[in-house]
Amino acid sequence: MEAWGAVEQEKALERILTSSDDLLELVMTLLEAAAIEANDVRLKREEVGLSLLLAQLKASLRVPGDRNWRSFGTILRTCPL
């Protein structure tokens, strides 16, 4: 068996980290859905700046597997922030 070089190791590590982030996001989403189903969610109303909210949403938006979510991405890119 041939030893991996530094580039291959870096790519493999990046795939592992990306996959673990995706799995964590999936688990968190499932936990949130379970809490909503159990009526265990409390809402807090507060004023927010729309520009800041959209900027944070745009920064946090990442589709698992690097798939391009064109329609939503296009909307966010065209929003005046």
C-alpha atoms as a PDB file:
ATOM      1  CA  MET A   1       0.000   0.000   0.000  1.00  0.00           C
ATOM      2  CA  GLU A   2       1.351   3.390  -1.012  1.00  0.00           C
ATOM      3  CA  ALA A   3       1.662   6.154   1.572  1.00  0.00           C
ATOM      4  CA  TRP A   4      -0.517   9.198   1.056  1.00  0.00           C
ATOM      5  CA  GLY A   5       1.103  12.525   0.352  1.00  0.00           C
ATOM      6  CA  ALA A   6       0.330  15.721   2.213  1.00  0.00           C
ATOM      7  CA  VAL A   7      -2.098  16.947  -0.488  1.00  0.00           C
ATOM      8  CA  GLU A   8      -4.141  13.743  -0.421  1.00  0.00           C
ATOM      9  CA  GLN A   9      -4.236  13.789   3.376  1.00  0.00           C
ATOM     10  CA  GLU A  10      -5.396  17.411   3.362  1.00  0.00           C
ATOM     11  CA  LYS A  11      -8.186  16.616   0.885  1.00  0.00           C
ATOM     12  CA  ALA A  12      -9.280  13.577   2.898  1.00  0.00           C
ATOM     13  CA  LEU A  13      -9.312  15.579   6.123  1.00  0.00           C
ATOM     14  CA  GLU A  14     -11.351  18.331   4.469  1.00  0.00           C
ATOM     15  CA  ARG A  15     -13.923  15.760   3.284  1.00  0.00           C
ATOM     16  CA  ILE A  16     -14.120  14.276   6.787  1.00  0.00           C
ATOM     17  CA  LEU A  17     -14.598  17.700   8.381  1.00  0.00           C
ATOM     18  CA  THR A  18     -17.221  18.707   5.828  1.00  0.00           C
ATOM     19  CA  SER A  19     -19.104  15.449   6.312  1.00  0.00           C
ATOM     20  CA  SER A  20     -19.026  15.776  10.095  1.00  0.00           C
ATOM     21  CA  ASP A  21     -20.362  19.349   9.837  1.00  0.00           C
ATOM     22  CA  ASP A  22     -23.156  18.119   7.561  1.00  0.00           C
ATOM     23  CA  LEU A  23     -24.052  15.318   9.984  1.00  0.00           C
ATOM     24  CA  LEU A  24     -24.058  17.699  12.954  1.00  0.00           C
ATOM     25  CA  GLU A  25     -26.373  20.051  11.073  1.00  0.00           C
ATOM     26  CA  LEU A  26     -28.683  17.130  10.269  1.00  0.00           C
ATOM     27  CA  VAL A  27     -28.805  16.023  13.911  1.00  0.00           C
ATOM     28  CA  MET A  28     -29.488  19.579  15.094  1.00  0.00           C
ATOM     29  CA  THR A  29     -32.282  19.951  12.538  1.00  0.00           C
ATOM     30  CA  LEU A  30     -33.852  16.687  13.656  1.00  0.00           C
ATOM     31  CA  LEU A  31     -33.687  17.775  17.297  1.00  0.00           C
ATOM     32  CA  GLU A  32     -35.329  21.100  16.424  1.00  0.00           C
ATOM     33  CA  ALA A  33     -38.067  19.290  14.490  1.00  0.00           C
ATOM     34  CA  ALA A  34     -38.671  16.963  17.447  1.00  0.00           C
ATOM     35  CA  ALA A  35     -38.955  19.944  19.785  1.00  0.00           C
ATOM     36  CA  ILE A  36     -41.460  21.623  17.462  1.00  0.00           C
ATOM     37  CA  GLU A  37     -43.500  18.424  17.212  1.00  0.00           C
ATOM     38  CA  ALA A  38     -43.547  18.119  20.997  1.00  0.00           C
ATOM     39  CA  ASN A  39     -44.743  21.739  21.315  1.00  0.00           C
ATOM     40  CA  ASP A  40     -41.597  22.460  23.292  1.00  0.00           C
ATOM     41  CA  VAL A  41     -40.633  25.631  21.439  1.00  0.00           C
ATOM     42  CA  ARG A  42     -41.108  29.098  22.808  1.00  0.00           C
ATOM     43  CA  LEU A  43     -41.128  32.069  20.473  1.00  0.00           C
ATOM     44  CA  LYS A  44     -39.647  35.411  21.346  1.00  0.00           C
ATOM     45  CA  ARG A  45     -40.724  38.399  19.301  1.00  0.00           C
ATOM     46  CA  GLU A  46     -38.159  41.080  18.715  1.00  0.00           C
ATOM     47  CA  GLU A  47     -37.264  43.655  16.119  1.00  0.00           C
ATOM     48  CA  VAL A  48     -34.480  42.737  13.739  1.00  0.00           C
ATOM     49  CA  GLY A  49     -32.675  44.558  10.973  1.00  0.00           C
ATOM     50  CA  LEU A  50     -33.584  42.858   7.719  1.00  0.00           C
ATOM     51  CA  SER A  51     -30.213  43.610   6.099  1.00  0.00           C
ATOM     52  CA  LEU A  52     -28.310  42.064   9.004  1.00  0.00           C
ATOM     53  CA  LEU A  53     -30.628  39.047   9.092  1.00  0.00           C
ATOM     54  CA  LEU A  54     -30.178  38.419   5.363  1.00  0.00           C
ATOM     55  CA  ALA A  55     -26.404  38.884   5.614  1.00  0.00           C
ATOM     56  CA  GLN A  56     -26.219  36.333   8.440  1.00  0.00           C
ATOM     57  CA  LEU A  57     -28.440  33.940   6.517  1.00  0.00           C
ATOM     58  CA  LYS A  58     -26.290  34.312   3.413  1.00  0.00           C
ATOM     59  CA  ALA A  59     -23.107  33.706   5.435  1.00  0.00           C
ATOM     60  CA  SER A  60     -24.495  30.592   7.089  1.00  0.00           C
ATOM     61  CA  LEU A  61     -26.082  29.098   3.976  1.00  0.00           C
ATOM     62  CA  ARG A  62     -24.157  26.038   2.846  1.00  0.00           C
ATOM     63  CA  VAL A  63     -25.732  23.184   1.017  1.00  0.00           C
ATOM     64  CA  PRO A  64     -24.387  19.734   1.994  1.00  0.00           C
ATOM     65  CA  GLY A  65     -22.197  18.177  -0.667  1.00  0.00           C
ATOM     66  CA  ASP A  66     -21.374  21.565  -2.212  1.00  0.00           C
ATOM     67  CA  ARG A  67     -24.558  21.471  -4.275  1.00  0.00           C
ATOM     68  CA  ASN A  68     -25.541  24.773  -5.799  1.00  0.00           C
ATOM     69  CA  TRP A  69     -28.904  26.032  -4.626  1.00  0.00           C
ATOM     70  CA  ARG A  70     -29.286  28.527  -7.437  1.00  0.00           C
ATOM     71  CA  SER A  71     -32.723  30.003  -6.838  1.00  0.00           C
ATOM     72  CA  PHE A  72     -32.143  30.993  -3.209  1.00  0.00           C
ATOM     73  CA  GLY A  73     -28.536  32.010  -3.840  1.00  0.00           C
ATOM     74  CA  THR A  74     -29.638  34.258  -6.673  1.00  0.00           C
ATOM     75  CA  ILE A  75     -32.192  35.949  -4.441  1.00  0.00           C
ATOM     76  CA  LEU A  76     -29.597  36.602  -1.738  1.00  0.00           C
ATOM     77  CA  ARG A  77     -27.012  37.896  -4.217  1.00  0.00           C
ATOM     78  CA  THR A  78     -29.485  40.402  -5.638  1.00  0.00           C
ATOM     79  CA  CYS A  79     -30.655  41.705  -2.245  1.00  0.00           C
ATOM     80  CA  PRO A  80     -29.243  45.138  -1.443  1.00  0.00           C
ATOM     81  CA  LEU A  81     -27.363  44.569   1.825  1.00  0.00           C
END
